[in-house]
N, C-alpha and C. Protein backbone atom coordinates (compact mmCIF):
# COMPACT_ATOMS: atom_id res chain seq x y z
N MET A 1 -30.65 71.06 19.19
CA MET A 1 -31.26 70.15 18.22
C MET A 1 -31.69 68.87 18.94
N PRO A 2 -32.94 68.41 18.70
CA PRO A 2 -33.42 67.19 19.34
C PRO A 2 -32.52 66.00 18.99
N PRO A 3 -32.42 65.02 19.90
CA PRO A 3 -31.56 63.84 19.67
C PRO A 3 -31.87 63.12 18.36
N LEU A 4 -33.17 62.96 18.05
CA LEU A 4 -33.54 62.25 16.83
C LEU A 4 -33.05 62.99 15.60
N ALA A 5 -33.16 64.30 15.62
CA ALA A 5 -32.70 65.11 14.49
C ALA A 5 -31.20 64.99 14.32
N GLN A 6 -30.46 64.92 15.44
CA GLN A 6 -29.01 64.76 15.37
C GLN A 6 -28.63 63.41 14.74
N VAL A 7 -29.39 62.39 15.13
CA VAL A 7 -29.12 61.07 14.57
C VAL A 7 -29.37 61.06 13.07
N LEU A 8 -30.48 61.66 12.65
CA LEU A 8 -30.81 61.71 11.23
C LEU A 8 -29.77 62.51 10.45
N GLU A 9 -29.35 63.62 11.03
CA GLU A 9 -28.34 64.44 10.36
C GLU A 9 -27.03 63.68 10.20
N THR A 10 -26.65 62.95 11.24
CA THR A 10 -25.42 62.14 11.18
C THR A 10 -25.54 61.06 10.11
N LEU A 11 -26.71 60.44 10.05
CA LEU A 11 -26.94 59.39 9.07
C LEU A 11 -26.87 59.93 7.65
N VAL A 12 -27.50 61.11 7.43
CA VAL A 12 -27.47 61.73 6.09
C VAL A 12 -26.03 62.08 5.70
N ASP A 13 -25.27 62.64 6.64
CA ASP A 13 -23.87 62.97 6.35
C ASP A 13 -23.06 61.73 5.99
N TYR A 14 -23.32 60.65 6.71
CA TYR A 14 -22.59 59.41 6.45
C TYR A 14 -22.92 58.88 5.06
N LEU A 15 -24.21 58.90 4.72
CA LEU A 15 -24.63 58.41 3.40
C LEU A 15 -24.03 59.25 2.28
N GLN A 16 -23.97 60.55 2.50
CA GLN A 16 -23.40 61.44 1.48
C GLN A 16 -21.90 61.17 1.30
N ASP A 17 -21.22 60.93 2.42
CA ASP A 17 -19.77 60.73 2.36
C ASP A 17 -19.41 59.35 1.78
N HIS A 18 -20.29 58.39 1.93
CA HIS A 18 -19.97 57.02 1.52
C HIS A 18 -20.92 56.49 0.45
N ALA A 19 -21.56 57.37 -0.26
CA ALA A 19 -22.57 56.96 -1.25
C ALA A 19 -21.98 56.02 -2.30
N VAL A 20 -20.80 56.35 -2.81
CA VAL A 20 -20.21 55.54 -3.87
C VAL A 20 -19.92 54.13 -3.38
N LYS A 21 -19.35 54.02 -2.17
CA LYS A 21 -19.03 52.70 -1.63
C LYS A 21 -20.30 51.88 -1.40
N ILE A 22 -21.33 52.52 -0.89
CA ILE A 22 -22.58 51.83 -0.60
C ILE A 22 -23.23 51.33 -1.89
N ILE A 23 -23.28 52.22 -2.90
CA ILE A 23 -23.89 51.83 -4.18
C ILE A 23 -23.09 50.70 -4.84
N THR A 24 -21.75 50.84 -4.79
CA THR A 24 -20.90 49.79 -5.37
C THR A 24 -21.12 48.46 -4.67
N GLY A 25 -21.22 48.49 -3.34
CA GLY A 25 -21.46 47.27 -2.59
C GLY A 25 -22.78 46.61 -2.94
N LEU A 26 -23.83 47.46 -3.09
CA LEU A 26 -25.15 46.93 -3.45
C LEU A 26 -25.14 46.32 -4.85
N VAL A 27 -24.46 46.99 -5.78
CA VAL A 27 -24.38 46.47 -7.15
C VAL A 27 -23.67 45.13 -7.17
N LEU A 28 -22.55 45.05 -6.45
CA LEU A 28 -21.80 43.79 -6.41
C LEU A 28 -22.62 42.67 -5.77
N MET A 29 -23.39 43.02 -4.76
CA MET A 29 -24.23 42.02 -4.10
C MET A 29 -25.30 41.50 -5.05
N VAL A 30 -25.91 42.40 -5.81
CA VAL A 30 -26.95 41.99 -6.77
C VAL A 30 -26.35 41.14 -7.88
N VAL A 31 -25.18 41.58 -8.39
CA VAL A 31 -24.52 40.81 -9.45
C VAL A 31 -24.13 39.43 -8.94
N GLY A 32 -23.60 39.37 -7.71
CA GLY A 32 -23.22 38.08 -7.14
C GLY A 32 -24.42 37.16 -6.97
N TRP A 33 -25.55 37.73 -6.51
CA TRP A 33 -26.77 36.92 -6.35
C TRP A 33 -27.24 36.41 -7.70
N TYR A 34 -27.25 37.30 -8.69
CA TYR A 34 -27.72 36.90 -10.03
C TYR A 34 -26.84 35.81 -10.61
N TRP A 35 -25.52 35.98 -10.51
CA TRP A 35 -24.60 34.99 -11.07
C TRP A 35 -24.73 33.65 -10.34
N GLY A 36 -24.85 33.70 -9.01
CA GLY A 36 -25.01 32.47 -8.25
C GLY A 36 -26.31 31.76 -8.61
N HIS A 37 -27.39 32.53 -8.75
CA HIS A 37 -28.68 31.94 -9.12
C HIS A 37 -28.62 31.33 -10.51
N ARG A 38 -27.97 32.03 -11.43
CA ARG A 38 -27.85 31.52 -12.80
C ARG A 38 -27.00 30.26 -12.84
N ARG A 39 -25.89 30.24 -12.08
CA ARG A 39 -25.03 29.05 -12.03
C ARG A 39 -25.77 27.87 -11.42
N ALA A 40 -26.54 28.12 -10.35
CA ALA A 40 -27.30 27.05 -9.71
C ALA A 40 -28.33 26.46 -10.67
N ARG A 41 -29.01 27.32 -11.43
CA ARG A 41 -30.00 26.84 -12.39
C ARG A 41 -29.35 26.03 -13.50
N TYR A 42 -28.20 26.52 -13.97
CA TYR A 42 -27.47 25.79 -15.02
C TYR A 42 -27.01 24.43 -14.52
N ASP A 43 -26.46 24.40 -13.30
CA ASP A 43 -25.98 23.14 -12.74
C ASP A 43 -27.13 22.15 -12.56
N TRP A 44 -28.29 22.64 -12.16
CA TRP A 44 -29.44 21.75 -11.98
C TRP A 44 -29.89 21.18 -13.31
N GLN A 45 -29.91 22.02 -14.34
CA GLN A 45 -30.31 21.54 -15.66
C GLN A 45 -29.34 20.48 -16.18
N LYS A 46 -28.05 20.68 -15.91
CA LYS A 46 -27.03 19.74 -16.37
C LYS A 46 -26.78 18.62 -15.36
N GLN A 47 -27.45 18.69 -14.21
CA GLN A 47 -27.23 17.74 -13.12
C GLN A 47 -25.74 17.66 -12.76
N THR A 48 -25.15 18.84 -12.63
CA THR A 48 -23.74 18.97 -12.27
C THR A 48 -23.64 19.61 -10.90
N PHE A 49 -23.01 18.89 -9.96
CA PHE A 49 -22.92 19.37 -8.59
C PHE A 49 -21.47 19.22 -8.10
N LEU A 50 -20.59 20.04 -8.66
CA LEU A 50 -19.17 19.89 -8.36
C LEU A 50 -18.79 20.39 -6.98
N ASP A 51 -19.70 21.09 -6.30
CA ASP A 51 -19.39 21.53 -4.94
C ASP A 51 -19.70 20.44 -3.92
N ARG A 52 -20.22 19.30 -4.39
CA ARG A 52 -20.50 18.17 -3.52
C ARG A 52 -19.38 17.14 -3.64
N LEU A 53 -19.10 16.43 -2.56
CA LEU A 53 -18.14 15.33 -2.61
C LEU A 53 -18.85 14.05 -2.20
N ASN A 54 -18.88 13.11 -3.13
CA ASN A 54 -19.49 11.81 -2.89
C ASN A 54 -18.38 10.79 -2.65
N ILE A 55 -18.42 10.13 -1.50
CA ILE A 55 -17.44 9.07 -1.21
C ILE A 55 -18.10 7.75 -1.58
N SER A 56 -17.55 7.10 -2.60
CA SER A 56 -18.20 5.95 -3.23
C SER A 56 -17.39 4.67 -3.05
N LEU A 57 -18.02 3.64 -2.50
CA LEU A 57 -17.39 2.33 -2.37
C LEU A 57 -17.66 1.52 -3.62
N ASN A 58 -16.60 1.00 -4.22
CA ASN A 58 -16.71 0.23 -5.46
C ASN A 58 -16.18 -1.18 -5.21
N SER A 59 -16.97 -2.17 -5.52
CA SER A 59 -16.56 -3.55 -5.26
C SER A 59 -17.14 -4.48 -6.32
N ILE A 60 -16.58 -5.66 -6.37
CA ILE A 60 -17.08 -6.69 -7.29
C ILE A 60 -17.43 -7.92 -6.46
N HIS A 61 -18.70 -8.30 -6.49
CA HIS A 61 -19.16 -9.46 -5.73
C HIS A 61 -19.97 -10.37 -6.64
N ASN A 62 -19.60 -11.64 -6.65
CA ASN A 62 -20.30 -12.62 -7.47
C ASN A 62 -20.41 -12.17 -8.93
N GLY A 63 -19.31 -11.59 -9.42
CA GLY A 63 -19.26 -11.19 -10.82
C GLY A 63 -20.04 -9.93 -11.16
N GLN A 64 -20.48 -9.18 -10.16
CA GLN A 64 -21.24 -7.96 -10.42
C GLN A 64 -20.56 -6.75 -9.78
N LEU A 65 -20.53 -5.65 -10.53
CA LEU A 65 -19.97 -4.40 -10.01
C LEU A 65 -20.99 -3.75 -9.10
N LEU A 66 -20.60 -3.47 -7.86
CA LEU A 66 -21.48 -2.83 -6.90
C LEU A 66 -20.93 -1.45 -6.55
N ILE A 67 -21.80 -0.47 -6.55
CA ILE A 67 -21.44 0.91 -6.24
C ILE A 67 -22.34 1.39 -5.11
N ARG A 68 -21.73 1.79 -4.01
CA ARG A 68 -22.50 2.23 -2.86
C ARG A 68 -21.92 3.54 -2.31
N THR A 69 -22.79 4.46 -1.97
CA THR A 69 -22.36 5.73 -1.37
C THR A 69 -22.12 5.54 0.12
N LEU A 70 -20.94 5.89 0.58
CA LEU A 70 -20.63 5.85 2.01
C LEU A 70 -21.06 7.15 2.70
N THR A 71 -20.86 8.25 2.01
CA THR A 71 -21.33 9.54 2.52
C THR A 71 -21.26 10.56 1.39
N GLU A 72 -22.01 11.63 1.53
CA GLU A 72 -21.93 12.74 0.58
C GLU A 72 -22.14 14.03 1.35
N LYS A 73 -21.21 14.97 1.15
CA LYS A 73 -21.27 16.24 1.86
C LYS A 73 -20.83 17.37 0.93
N HIS A 74 -21.10 18.58 1.38
CA HIS A 74 -20.55 19.74 0.68
C HIS A 74 -19.03 19.69 0.81
N GLY A 75 -18.34 20.03 -0.26
CA GLY A 75 -16.89 19.92 -0.28
C GLY A 75 -16.21 20.64 0.87
N GLN A 76 -16.74 21.79 1.28
CA GLN A 76 -16.09 22.55 2.34
C GLN A 76 -16.19 21.84 3.69
N GLU A 77 -17.19 20.96 3.85
CA GLU A 77 -17.30 20.20 5.10
C GLU A 77 -16.18 19.19 5.24
N ILE A 78 -15.62 18.75 4.12
CA ILE A 78 -14.56 17.74 4.15
C ILE A 78 -13.19 18.39 4.03
N PHE A 79 -13.05 19.37 3.16
CA PHE A 79 -11.74 20.01 2.97
C PHE A 79 -11.49 21.15 3.95
N LEU A 80 -12.54 21.56 4.68
CA LEU A 80 -12.43 22.47 5.83
C LEU A 80 -11.87 23.84 5.49
N ASN A 81 -11.88 24.21 4.24
CA ASN A 81 -11.34 25.51 3.83
C ASN A 81 -12.00 25.89 2.51
N SER A 82 -12.54 27.09 2.42
CA SER A 82 -13.26 27.49 1.22
C SER A 82 -12.35 27.52 0.00
N GLN A 83 -11.08 27.93 0.19
CA GLN A 83 -10.15 27.97 -0.94
C GLN A 83 -9.83 26.57 -1.43
N ALA A 84 -9.62 25.63 -0.50
CA ALA A 84 -9.34 24.25 -0.89
C ALA A 84 -10.53 23.65 -1.63
N ALA A 85 -11.74 23.89 -1.11
CA ALA A 85 -12.94 23.37 -1.76
C ALA A 85 -13.09 23.96 -3.16
N ALA A 86 -12.77 25.25 -3.31
CA ALA A 86 -12.85 25.90 -4.62
C ALA A 86 -11.84 25.30 -5.59
N LYS A 87 -10.64 24.96 -5.08
CA LYS A 87 -9.62 24.34 -5.92
C LYS A 87 -10.07 22.97 -6.42
N VAL A 88 -10.81 22.26 -5.57
CA VAL A 88 -11.33 20.95 -5.98
C VAL A 88 -12.33 21.11 -7.13
N VAL A 89 -13.22 22.08 -7.01
CA VAL A 89 -14.18 22.34 -8.08
C VAL A 89 -13.46 22.74 -9.37
N GLU A 90 -12.47 23.60 -9.24
CA GLU A 90 -11.68 24.04 -10.40
C GLU A 90 -11.00 22.85 -11.08
N ALA A 91 -10.42 21.95 -10.28
CA ALA A 91 -9.76 20.77 -10.84
C ALA A 91 -10.77 19.84 -11.48
N ALA A 92 -11.95 19.72 -10.88
CA ALA A 92 -12.98 18.82 -11.43
C ALA A 92 -13.40 19.25 -12.82
N ARG A 93 -13.43 20.55 -13.06
CA ARG A 93 -13.83 21.04 -14.39
C ARG A 93 -12.78 20.74 -15.45
N LYS A 94 -11.57 20.36 -15.03
CA LYS A 94 -10.51 20.08 -15.98
C LYS A 94 -10.37 18.59 -16.32
N THR A 95 -11.15 17.74 -15.66
CA THR A 95 -11.05 16.31 -15.96
C THR A 95 -11.57 16.03 -17.36
N THR A 96 -11.14 14.91 -17.91
CA THR A 96 -11.51 14.54 -19.26
C THR A 96 -12.03 13.10 -19.26
N PRO A 97 -12.69 12.68 -20.33
CA PRO A 97 -13.15 11.29 -20.40
C PRO A 97 -12.02 10.28 -20.30
N THR A 98 -10.82 10.65 -20.72
CA THR A 98 -9.69 9.71 -20.67
C THR A 98 -8.85 9.84 -19.40
N ASP A 99 -9.13 10.86 -18.59
CA ASP A 99 -8.44 11.01 -17.31
C ASP A 99 -9.40 11.65 -16.31
N PRO A 100 -10.22 10.84 -15.64
CA PRO A 100 -11.20 11.39 -14.70
C PRO A 100 -10.62 11.76 -13.35
N LEU A 101 -9.32 11.48 -13.10
CA LEU A 101 -8.72 11.83 -11.82
C LEU A 101 -8.42 13.33 -11.78
N LEU A 102 -8.66 13.94 -10.62
CA LEU A 102 -8.44 15.38 -10.51
C LEU A 102 -6.97 15.73 -10.73
N PRO A 103 -6.69 16.74 -11.56
CA PRO A 103 -5.31 17.06 -11.96
C PRO A 103 -4.57 17.97 -10.98
N PHE A 104 -4.34 17.49 -9.77
CA PHE A 104 -3.52 18.22 -8.82
C PHE A 104 -2.05 17.87 -9.01
N SER A 105 -1.18 18.74 -8.55
CA SER A 105 0.25 18.45 -8.63
C SER A 105 0.61 17.39 -7.60
N LYS A 106 1.75 16.77 -7.78
CA LYS A 106 2.20 15.73 -6.87
C LYS A 106 2.37 16.28 -5.45
N ASP A 107 2.85 17.51 -5.34
CA ASP A 107 3.09 18.10 -4.02
C ASP A 107 1.79 18.40 -3.28
N ASP A 108 0.71 18.67 -4.02
CA ASP A 108 -0.56 19.06 -3.40
C ASP A 108 -1.51 17.89 -3.15
N TYR A 109 -1.34 16.82 -3.90
CA TYR A 109 -2.35 15.76 -3.91
C TYR A 109 -2.62 15.19 -2.52
N TRP A 110 -1.56 14.98 -1.74
CA TRP A 110 -1.72 14.31 -0.45
C TRP A 110 -2.68 15.06 0.46
N TYR A 111 -2.66 16.39 0.44
CA TYR A 111 -3.48 17.17 1.36
C TYR A 111 -4.97 16.96 1.10
N TYR A 112 -5.34 16.90 -0.19
CA TYR A 112 -6.75 16.67 -0.52
C TYR A 112 -7.16 15.23 -0.19
N LEU A 113 -6.31 14.29 -0.53
CA LEU A 113 -6.62 12.89 -0.24
C LEU A 113 -6.69 12.64 1.26
N ASN A 114 -5.81 13.26 2.02
CA ASN A 114 -5.79 13.04 3.46
C ASN A 114 -7.07 13.57 4.12
N ALA A 115 -7.63 14.63 3.58
CA ALA A 115 -8.90 15.15 4.11
C ALA A 115 -10.01 14.12 3.93
N VAL A 116 -10.02 13.45 2.79
CA VAL A 116 -11.02 12.40 2.55
C VAL A 116 -10.75 11.21 3.47
N LEU A 117 -9.49 10.85 3.62
CA LEU A 117 -9.11 9.74 4.50
C LEU A 117 -9.61 10.00 5.92
N ASN A 118 -9.45 11.22 6.41
CA ASN A 118 -9.90 11.55 7.76
C ASN A 118 -11.41 11.39 7.90
N GLU A 119 -12.14 11.81 6.88
CA GLU A 119 -13.60 11.66 6.89
C GLU A 119 -13.99 10.19 6.91
N LEU A 120 -13.32 9.39 6.11
CA LEU A 120 -13.63 7.97 6.02
C LEU A 120 -13.23 7.24 7.30
N SER A 121 -12.07 7.57 7.84
CA SER A 121 -11.61 6.92 9.07
C SER A 121 -12.56 7.17 10.23
N GLU A 122 -13.14 8.37 10.25
CA GLU A 122 -14.10 8.68 11.32
C GLU A 122 -15.31 7.76 11.26
N GLN A 123 -15.74 7.43 10.04
CA GLN A 123 -16.89 6.54 9.89
C GLN A 123 -16.60 5.14 10.43
N PHE A 124 -15.34 4.72 10.34
CA PHE A 124 -14.98 3.36 10.73
C PHE A 124 -14.22 3.34 12.06
N ALA A 125 -14.39 4.39 12.85
CA ALA A 125 -13.68 4.48 14.13
C ALA A 125 -14.05 3.34 15.06
N VAL A 126 -15.30 2.91 15.04
CA VAL A 126 -15.74 1.84 15.93
C VAL A 126 -14.96 0.56 15.65
N GLY A 127 -14.70 0.29 14.37
CA GLY A 127 -13.94 -0.91 14.02
C GLY A 127 -12.54 -0.90 14.60
N HIS A 128 -11.89 0.25 14.58
CA HIS A 128 -10.54 0.35 15.13
C HIS A 128 -10.56 0.20 16.65
N LEU A 129 -11.60 0.71 17.28
CA LEU A 129 -11.72 0.53 18.73
C LEU A 129 -11.97 -0.94 19.08
N ARG A 130 -12.80 -1.59 18.27
CA ARG A 130 -13.06 -3.02 18.52
C ARG A 130 -11.77 -3.83 18.40
N ARG A 131 -10.94 -3.49 17.43
CA ARG A 131 -9.68 -4.21 17.28
C ARG A 131 -8.78 -3.96 18.49
N ASP A 132 -8.75 -2.71 18.95
CA ASP A 132 -7.92 -2.39 20.10
C ASP A 132 -8.39 -3.12 21.36
N LEU A 133 -9.69 -3.40 21.44
CA LEU A 133 -10.25 -4.10 22.59
C LEU A 133 -10.20 -5.62 22.45
N GLY A 134 -9.70 -6.08 21.32
CA GLY A 134 -9.59 -7.52 21.11
C GLY A 134 -10.87 -8.16 20.63
N ALA A 135 -11.84 -7.37 20.21
CA ALA A 135 -13.10 -7.91 19.69
C ALA A 135 -12.90 -8.40 18.26
N PRO A 136 -13.71 -9.36 17.81
CA PRO A 136 -13.58 -9.87 16.44
C PRO A 136 -13.92 -8.79 15.41
N ILE A 137 -13.10 -8.67 14.42
CA ILE A 137 -13.31 -7.68 13.36
C ILE A 137 -12.89 -8.27 12.02
N GLN A 138 -13.23 -7.56 10.97
CA GLN A 138 -12.69 -7.81 9.64
C GLN A 138 -11.98 -6.54 9.19
N GLN A 139 -10.88 -6.70 8.50
CA GLN A 139 -10.13 -5.52 8.07
C GLN A 139 -9.57 -5.75 6.68
N ALA A 140 -9.35 -4.65 5.98
CA ALA A 140 -8.79 -4.72 4.63
C ALA A 140 -8.18 -3.36 4.30
N ARG A 141 -7.30 -3.36 3.32
CA ARG A 141 -6.66 -2.13 2.89
C ARG A 141 -7.36 -1.62 1.63
N TYR A 142 -7.64 -0.33 1.64
CA TYR A 142 -8.37 0.30 0.54
C TYR A 142 -7.55 1.43 -0.06
N LEU A 143 -7.83 1.72 -1.31
CA LEU A 143 -7.23 2.86 -2.00
C LEU A 143 -8.30 3.91 -2.24
N ILE A 144 -7.90 5.17 -2.14
CA ILE A 144 -8.81 6.29 -2.37
C ILE A 144 -8.21 7.19 -3.43
N CYS A 145 -9.02 7.64 -4.36
CA CYS A 145 -8.56 8.67 -5.30
C CYS A 145 -9.72 9.60 -5.61
N LEU A 146 -9.40 10.79 -6.06
CA LEU A 146 -10.40 11.81 -6.35
C LEU A 146 -10.67 11.87 -7.84
N THR A 147 -11.94 11.77 -8.21
CA THR A 147 -12.30 11.74 -9.62
C THR A 147 -13.49 12.65 -9.90
N CYS A 148 -13.69 12.90 -11.18
CA CYS A 148 -14.92 13.56 -11.64
C CYS A 148 -15.20 13.00 -13.03
N GLU A 149 -16.02 11.98 -13.07
CA GLU A 149 -16.33 11.33 -14.35
C GLU A 149 -17.12 12.28 -15.24
N CYS A 150 -16.77 12.33 -16.51
CA CYS A 150 -17.45 13.26 -17.42
C CYS A 150 -17.74 12.64 -18.79
N HIS A 151 -18.00 11.34 -18.79
CA HIS A 151 -18.42 10.72 -20.04
C HIS A 151 -19.37 9.59 -19.72
N GLY A 152 -20.01 9.09 -20.76
CA GLY A 152 -20.97 8.02 -20.54
C GLY A 152 -22.33 8.56 -20.16
N GLU A 153 -23.23 7.66 -19.89
CA GLU A 153 -24.61 8.04 -19.56
C GLU A 153 -24.75 8.28 -18.06
N LEU A 154 -24.09 9.31 -17.59
CA LEU A 154 -24.13 9.63 -16.17
C LEU A 154 -25.39 10.42 -15.84
N ARG A 155 -26.02 10.07 -14.73
CA ARG A 155 -27.19 10.82 -14.29
C ARG A 155 -26.79 12.15 -13.68
N THR A 156 -25.74 12.14 -12.90
CA THR A 156 -25.25 13.37 -12.28
C THR A 156 -23.73 13.40 -12.37
N ARG A 157 -23.19 14.60 -12.39
CA ARG A 157 -21.74 14.77 -12.39
C ARG A 157 -21.33 15.40 -11.07
N LYS A 158 -20.49 14.69 -10.33
CA LYS A 158 -20.03 15.15 -9.03
C LYS A 158 -18.56 14.82 -8.88
N VAL A 159 -17.93 15.46 -7.91
CA VAL A 159 -16.60 15.02 -7.49
C VAL A 159 -16.81 13.78 -6.64
N ARG A 160 -16.09 12.73 -6.96
CA ARG A 160 -16.26 11.47 -6.23
C ARG A 160 -14.91 10.98 -5.72
N ALA A 161 -14.90 10.67 -4.44
CA ALA A 161 -13.74 10.00 -3.86
C ALA A 161 -13.99 8.51 -4.00
N MET A 162 -13.28 7.89 -4.92
CA MET A 162 -13.46 6.46 -5.18
C MET A 162 -12.72 5.66 -4.12
N VAL A 163 -13.43 4.74 -3.49
CA VAL A 163 -12.86 3.85 -2.49
C VAL A 163 -12.97 2.43 -3.03
N VAL A 164 -11.84 1.74 -3.13
CA VAL A 164 -11.85 0.38 -3.67
C VAL A 164 -10.78 -0.43 -2.95
N ARG A 165 -11.11 -1.68 -2.64
CA ARG A 165 -10.14 -2.53 -1.96
C ARG A 165 -8.89 -2.67 -2.84
N LYS A 166 -7.73 -2.56 -2.23
CA LYS A 166 -6.48 -2.53 -2.97
C LYS A 166 -6.31 -3.76 -3.86
N GLU A 167 -6.60 -4.93 -3.31
CA GLU A 167 -6.41 -6.16 -4.09
C GLU A 167 -7.40 -6.25 -5.24
N VAL A 168 -8.54 -5.58 -5.13
CA VAL A 168 -9.50 -5.56 -6.23
C VAL A 168 -8.98 -4.68 -7.36
N LEU A 169 -8.50 -3.48 -7.02
CA LEU A 169 -8.04 -2.56 -8.07
C LEU A 169 -6.79 -3.08 -8.77
N THR A 170 -5.89 -3.70 -8.02
CA THR A 170 -4.64 -4.17 -8.63
C THR A 170 -4.81 -5.49 -9.37
N LYS A 171 -5.97 -6.13 -9.21
CA LYS A 171 -6.21 -7.40 -9.89
C LYS A 171 -7.59 -7.41 -10.55
N LEU A 172 -7.88 -6.34 -11.26
CA LEU A 172 -9.17 -6.28 -11.95
C LEU A 172 -9.30 -7.42 -12.96
N PRO A 173 -10.47 -8.01 -13.07
CA PRO A 173 -10.65 -9.07 -14.07
C PRO A 173 -10.53 -8.51 -15.48
N ALA A 174 -10.11 -9.37 -16.40
CA ALA A 174 -9.95 -8.93 -17.79
C ALA A 174 -11.30 -8.60 -18.42
N GLU A 175 -12.31 -9.35 -18.05
CA GLU A 175 -13.64 -9.13 -18.61
C GLU A 175 -14.47 -8.28 -17.67
N ALA A 176 -15.33 -7.47 -18.25
CA ALA A 176 -16.19 -6.59 -17.46
C ALA A 176 -17.17 -7.42 -16.63
N PRO A 177 -17.42 -7.00 -15.40
CA PRO A 177 -18.43 -7.69 -14.59
C PRO A 177 -19.83 -7.32 -15.06
N ALA A 178 -20.82 -7.93 -14.47
CA ALA A 178 -22.21 -7.55 -14.77
C ALA A 178 -22.50 -6.19 -14.13
N PHE A 179 -23.39 -5.42 -14.75
CA PHE A 179 -23.74 -4.10 -14.26
C PHE A 179 -25.18 -4.09 -13.78
N ALA A 180 -25.40 -3.54 -12.59
CA ALA A 180 -26.76 -3.43 -12.07
C ALA A 180 -27.55 -2.40 -12.87
N SER A 181 -26.85 -1.46 -13.50
CA SER A 181 -27.48 -0.43 -14.32
C SER A 181 -26.56 -0.16 -15.52
N PRO A 182 -27.11 0.15 -16.69
CA PRO A 182 -26.27 0.37 -17.88
C PRO A 182 -25.21 1.45 -17.70
N HIS A 183 -25.54 2.53 -16.95
CA HIS A 183 -24.56 3.61 -16.81
C HIS A 183 -23.40 3.23 -15.90
N HIS A 184 -23.46 2.06 -15.27
CA HIS A 184 -22.33 1.60 -14.47
C HIS A 184 -21.13 1.21 -15.34
N SER A 185 -21.35 1.12 -16.64
CA SER A 185 -20.22 0.84 -17.54
C SER A 185 -19.20 1.98 -17.47
N THR A 186 -19.68 3.21 -17.19
CA THR A 186 -18.76 4.33 -17.03
C THR A 186 -17.86 4.11 -15.82
N ARG A 187 -18.41 3.60 -14.73
CA ARG A 187 -17.62 3.35 -13.54
C ARG A 187 -16.59 2.25 -13.80
N TRP A 188 -16.96 1.25 -14.57
CA TRP A 188 -16.00 0.19 -14.90
C TRP A 188 -14.82 0.77 -15.67
N SER A 189 -15.11 1.66 -16.63
CA SER A 189 -14.03 2.31 -17.38
C SER A 189 -13.16 3.14 -16.44
N THR A 190 -13.78 3.81 -15.48
CA THR A 190 -13.03 4.61 -14.51
C THR A 190 -12.12 3.72 -13.69
N LEU A 191 -12.61 2.58 -13.24
CA LEU A 191 -11.80 1.66 -12.45
C LEU A 191 -10.61 1.14 -13.25
N GLN A 192 -10.83 0.86 -14.52
CA GLN A 192 -9.72 0.41 -15.38
C GLN A 192 -8.65 1.49 -15.50
N MET A 193 -9.09 2.75 -15.69
CA MET A 193 -8.13 3.86 -15.78
C MET A 193 -7.42 4.07 -14.45
N MET A 194 -8.15 3.89 -13.34
CA MET A 194 -7.55 4.01 -12.03
C MET A 194 -6.46 2.96 -11.82
N ALA A 195 -6.74 1.73 -12.24
CA ALA A 195 -5.76 0.66 -12.08
C ALA A 195 -4.48 0.97 -12.85
N ALA A 196 -4.64 1.46 -14.08
CA ALA A 196 -3.47 1.82 -14.89
C ALA A 196 -2.72 3.00 -14.27
N GLU A 197 -3.46 3.95 -13.74
CA GLU A 197 -2.83 5.13 -13.15
C GLU A 197 -2.11 4.78 -11.86
N TYR A 198 -2.68 3.88 -11.08
CA TYR A 198 -2.04 3.49 -9.82
C TYR A 198 -0.70 2.81 -10.08
N ALA A 199 -0.62 2.06 -11.16
CA ALA A 199 0.63 1.39 -11.51
C ALA A 199 1.71 2.40 -11.92
N LYS A 200 1.29 3.53 -12.49
CA LYS A 200 2.25 4.54 -12.97
C LYS A 200 2.49 5.65 -11.96
N HIS A 201 1.41 6.14 -11.35
CA HIS A 201 1.50 7.29 -10.45
C HIS A 201 0.74 7.01 -9.16
N PRO A 202 1.29 6.19 -8.29
CA PRO A 202 0.59 5.84 -7.04
C PRO A 202 0.36 7.04 -6.12
N TRP A 203 1.07 8.15 -6.32
CA TRP A 203 0.88 9.33 -5.48
C TRP A 203 -0.49 9.99 -5.71
N ARG A 204 -1.19 9.59 -6.73
CA ARG A 204 -2.55 10.11 -6.95
C ARG A 204 -3.59 9.34 -6.14
N PHE A 205 -3.10 8.43 -5.30
CA PHE A 205 -3.96 7.62 -4.43
C PHE A 205 -3.44 7.72 -3.00
N ILE A 206 -4.30 7.38 -2.04
CA ILE A 206 -3.88 7.24 -0.67
C ILE A 206 -4.45 5.93 -0.14
N GLU A 207 -3.67 5.27 0.68
CA GLU A 207 -4.06 3.94 1.18
C GLU A 207 -4.51 4.05 2.63
N VAL A 208 -5.56 3.29 2.95
CA VAL A 208 -6.10 3.32 4.31
C VAL A 208 -6.54 1.90 4.69
N GLU A 209 -6.35 1.55 5.97
CA GLU A 209 -6.86 0.29 6.48
C GLU A 209 -8.16 0.57 7.21
N LEU A 210 -9.20 -0.15 6.83
CA LEU A 210 -10.50 0.01 7.44
C LEU A 210 -10.89 -1.26 8.18
N CYS A 211 -11.50 -1.08 9.34
CA CYS A 211 -11.92 -2.21 10.17
C CYS A 211 -13.42 -2.10 10.45
N ALA A 212 -14.07 -3.25 10.49
CA ALA A 212 -15.50 -3.27 10.78
C ALA A 212 -15.83 -4.54 11.58
């Protein structure tokens, strides 16, 4: 039998022996593609991107609330594990308007927060080197917590690692600051809830010193 005919015969035998597995695999692949495409379209319509992690700096200057993005990446780039990133998305879907902090257990919280801390510390590595070399720097202690705001006039819904100077969060003014945009009132409410939560459950936060 010619070599090509032998190859074809072997291929036909293999397909016959594994037809069910092959068809099942193709069906699952099509279903997975369809579901993923449908989920992506739904998320775009709702402007919901829970697989993204936004690290957000929150501050009050001259009586105005300022919100600035320090970085934004796919969750798996920061948590370094697909299962951990999936757990973050799962927790984000459970947040409520009255508790926007991700509902992890006390034993698990540190691991997720520490991943964010590592990402943030890398951004400010130059500041720490400057301090070690005796160069002039400014430094402050910040608190980080994981949230997913789900109320108010939000343009997009994402998992957000809130970064706020410790002395700012623990001494929030009684009156609301000015807002650069109306939907920033949601962030002010989040900061108030964070302050109350930090007083009761500080393990839902992680503290970091940043130098610049």
